[in-house]
């Protein structure tokens, strides 16, 4: 049962990552997604935003 739940979670995560990757391709570039990733990687925010970091996202640098 635990393995099935883990598998479902991994499948969902993979679908999300595939969709994000699809939007980062040059023929289908999403400016919003590109900006979001750049801001996460560089650690920038808008002047009217608050950034709360819970933990370091090691995948942001990849």
C-alpha atoms as a PDB file:
ATOM      1  CA  UNK A   1       0.000   0.000   0.000  1.00  0.00           C
ATOM      2  CA  UNK A   2       2.809   2.411   0.871  1.00  0.00           C
ATOM      3  CA  UNK A   3       4.608   1.626  -2.388  1.00  0.00           C
ATOM      4  CA  UNK A   4       1.424   2.329  -4.381  1.00  0.00           C
ATOM      5  CA  UNK A   5       1.013   5.738  -2.707  1.00  0.00           C
ATOM      6  CA  UNK A   6       4.651   6.569  -3.390  1.00  0.00           C
ATOM      7  CA  UNK A   7       4.258   5.509  -7.024  1.00  0.00           C
ATOM      8  CA  UNK A   8       1.195   7.727  -7.467  1.00  0.00           C
ATOM      9  CA  UNK A   9       3.027  10.672  -5.918  1.00  0.00           C
ATOM     10  CA  UNK A  10       6.012  10.130  -8.214  1.00  0.00           C
ATOM     11  CA  UNK A  11       3.751   9.873 -11.276  1.00  0.00           C
ATOM     12  CA  UNK A  12       2.064  13.131 -10.356  1.00  0.00           C
ATOM     13  CA  UNK A  13       5.407  14.851  -9.783  1.00  0.00           C
ATOM     14  CA  UNK A  14       6.691  13.577 -13.129  1.00  0.00           C
ATOM     15  CA  UNK A  15       3.618  14.906 -14.966  1.00  0.00           C
ATOM     16  CA  UNK A  16       4.142  18.302 -13.354  1.00  0.00           C
ATOM     17  CA  UNK A  17       7.828  18.367 -14.302  1.00  0.00           C
ATOM     18  CA  UNK A  18       7.065  17.286 -17.885  1.00  0.00           C
ATOM     19  CA  UNK A  19       4.505  20.084 -18.225  1.00  0.00           C
ATOM     20  CA  UNK A  20       6.983  22.636 -16.865  1.00  0.00           C
ATOM     21  CA  UNK A  21       9.698  21.394 -19.223  1.00  0.00           C
ATOM     22  CA  UNK A  22       7.281  21.640 -22.153  1.00  0.00           C
ATOM     23  CA  UNK A  23       6.714  25.335 -21.381  1.00  0.00           C
ATOM     24  CA  UNK A  24      10.465  26.030 -21.211  1.00  0.00           C
ATOM     25  CA  UNK A  25      11.135  24.832 -24.776  1.00  0.00           C
ATOM     26  CA  UNK A  26      11.838  27.639 -27.224  1.00  0.00           C
ATOM     27  CA  UNK A  27       8.889  26.781 -29.481  1.00  0.00           C
ATOM     28  CA  UNK A  28       6.474  27.001 -26.549  1.00  0.00           C
ATOM     29  CA  UNK A  29       8.192  29.365 -24.105  1.00  0.00           C
ATOM     30  CA  UNK A  30       6.115  30.615 -21.190  1.00  0.00           C
ATOM     31  CA  UNK A  31       7.484  33.971 -20.058  1.00  0.00           C
ATOM     32  CA  UNK A  32       5.753  33.613 -16.682  1.00  0.00           C
ATOM     33  CA  UNK A  33       7.327  30.220 -16.005  1.00  0.00           C
ATOM     34  CA  UNK A  34      10.726  31.455 -17.175  1.00  0.00           C
ATOM     35  CA  UNK A  35      10.475  34.464 -14.849  1.00  0.00           C
ATOM     36  CA  UNK A  36       9.391  32.249 -11.949  1.00  0.00           C
ATOM     37  CA  UNK A  37      12.340  29.887 -12.390  1.00  0.00           C
ATOM     38  CA  UNK A  38      14.831  32.741 -12.789  1.00  0.00           C
ATOM     39  CA  UNK A  39      13.543  34.402  -9.623  1.00  0.00           C
ATOM     40  CA  UNK A  40      13.781  31.152  -7.647  1.00  0.00           C
ATOM     41  CA  UNK A  41      17.292  30.423  -8.876  1.00  0.00           C
ATOM     42  CA  UNK A  42      18.563  33.982  -8.396  1.00  0.00           C
ATOM     43  CA  UNK A  43      16.603  34.627  -5.198  1.00  0.00           C
ATOM     44  CA  UNK A  44      14.931  37.814  -6.424  1.00  0.00           C
ATOM     45  CA  UNK A  45      11.470  39.123  -5.628  1.00  0.00           C
ATOM     46  CA  UNK A  46       9.373  42.144  -6.482  1.00  0.00           C
ATOM     47  CA  UNK A  47       9.449  45.195  -4.197  1.00  0.00           C
ATOM     48  CA  UNK A  48       5.876  44.492  -3.027  1.00  0.00           C
ATOM     49  CA  UNK A  49       6.451  40.792  -2.293  1.00  0.00           C
ATOM     50  CA  UNK A  50       7.534  38.901   0.786  1.00  0.00           C
ATOM     51  CA  UNK A  51       9.794  35.888   0.353  1.00  0.00           C
ATOM     52  CA  UNK A  52       9.583  33.184   2.999  1.00  0.00           C
ATOM     53  CA  UNK A  53      12.141  30.426   2.631  1.00  0.00           C
ATOM     54  CA  UNK A  54      11.428  27.211   4.455  1.00  0.00           C
ATOM     55  CA  UNK A  55      14.390  25.248   3.151  1.00  0.00           C
ATOM     56  CA  UNK A  56      16.989  25.405   0.417  1.00  0.00           C
ATOM     57  CA  UNK A  57      15.628  24.089  -2.886  1.00  0.00           C
ATOM     58  CA  UNK A  58      18.587  22.155  -4.297  1.00  0.00           C
ATOM     59  CA  UNK A  59      16.693  21.385  -7.515  1.00  0.00           C
ATOM     60  CA  UNK A  60      16.439  25.113  -8.310  1.00  0.00           C
ATOM     61  CA  UNK A  61      20.079  25.162  -9.389  1.00  0.00           C
ATOM     62  CA  UNK A  62      19.683  22.382 -11.901  1.00  0.00           C
END
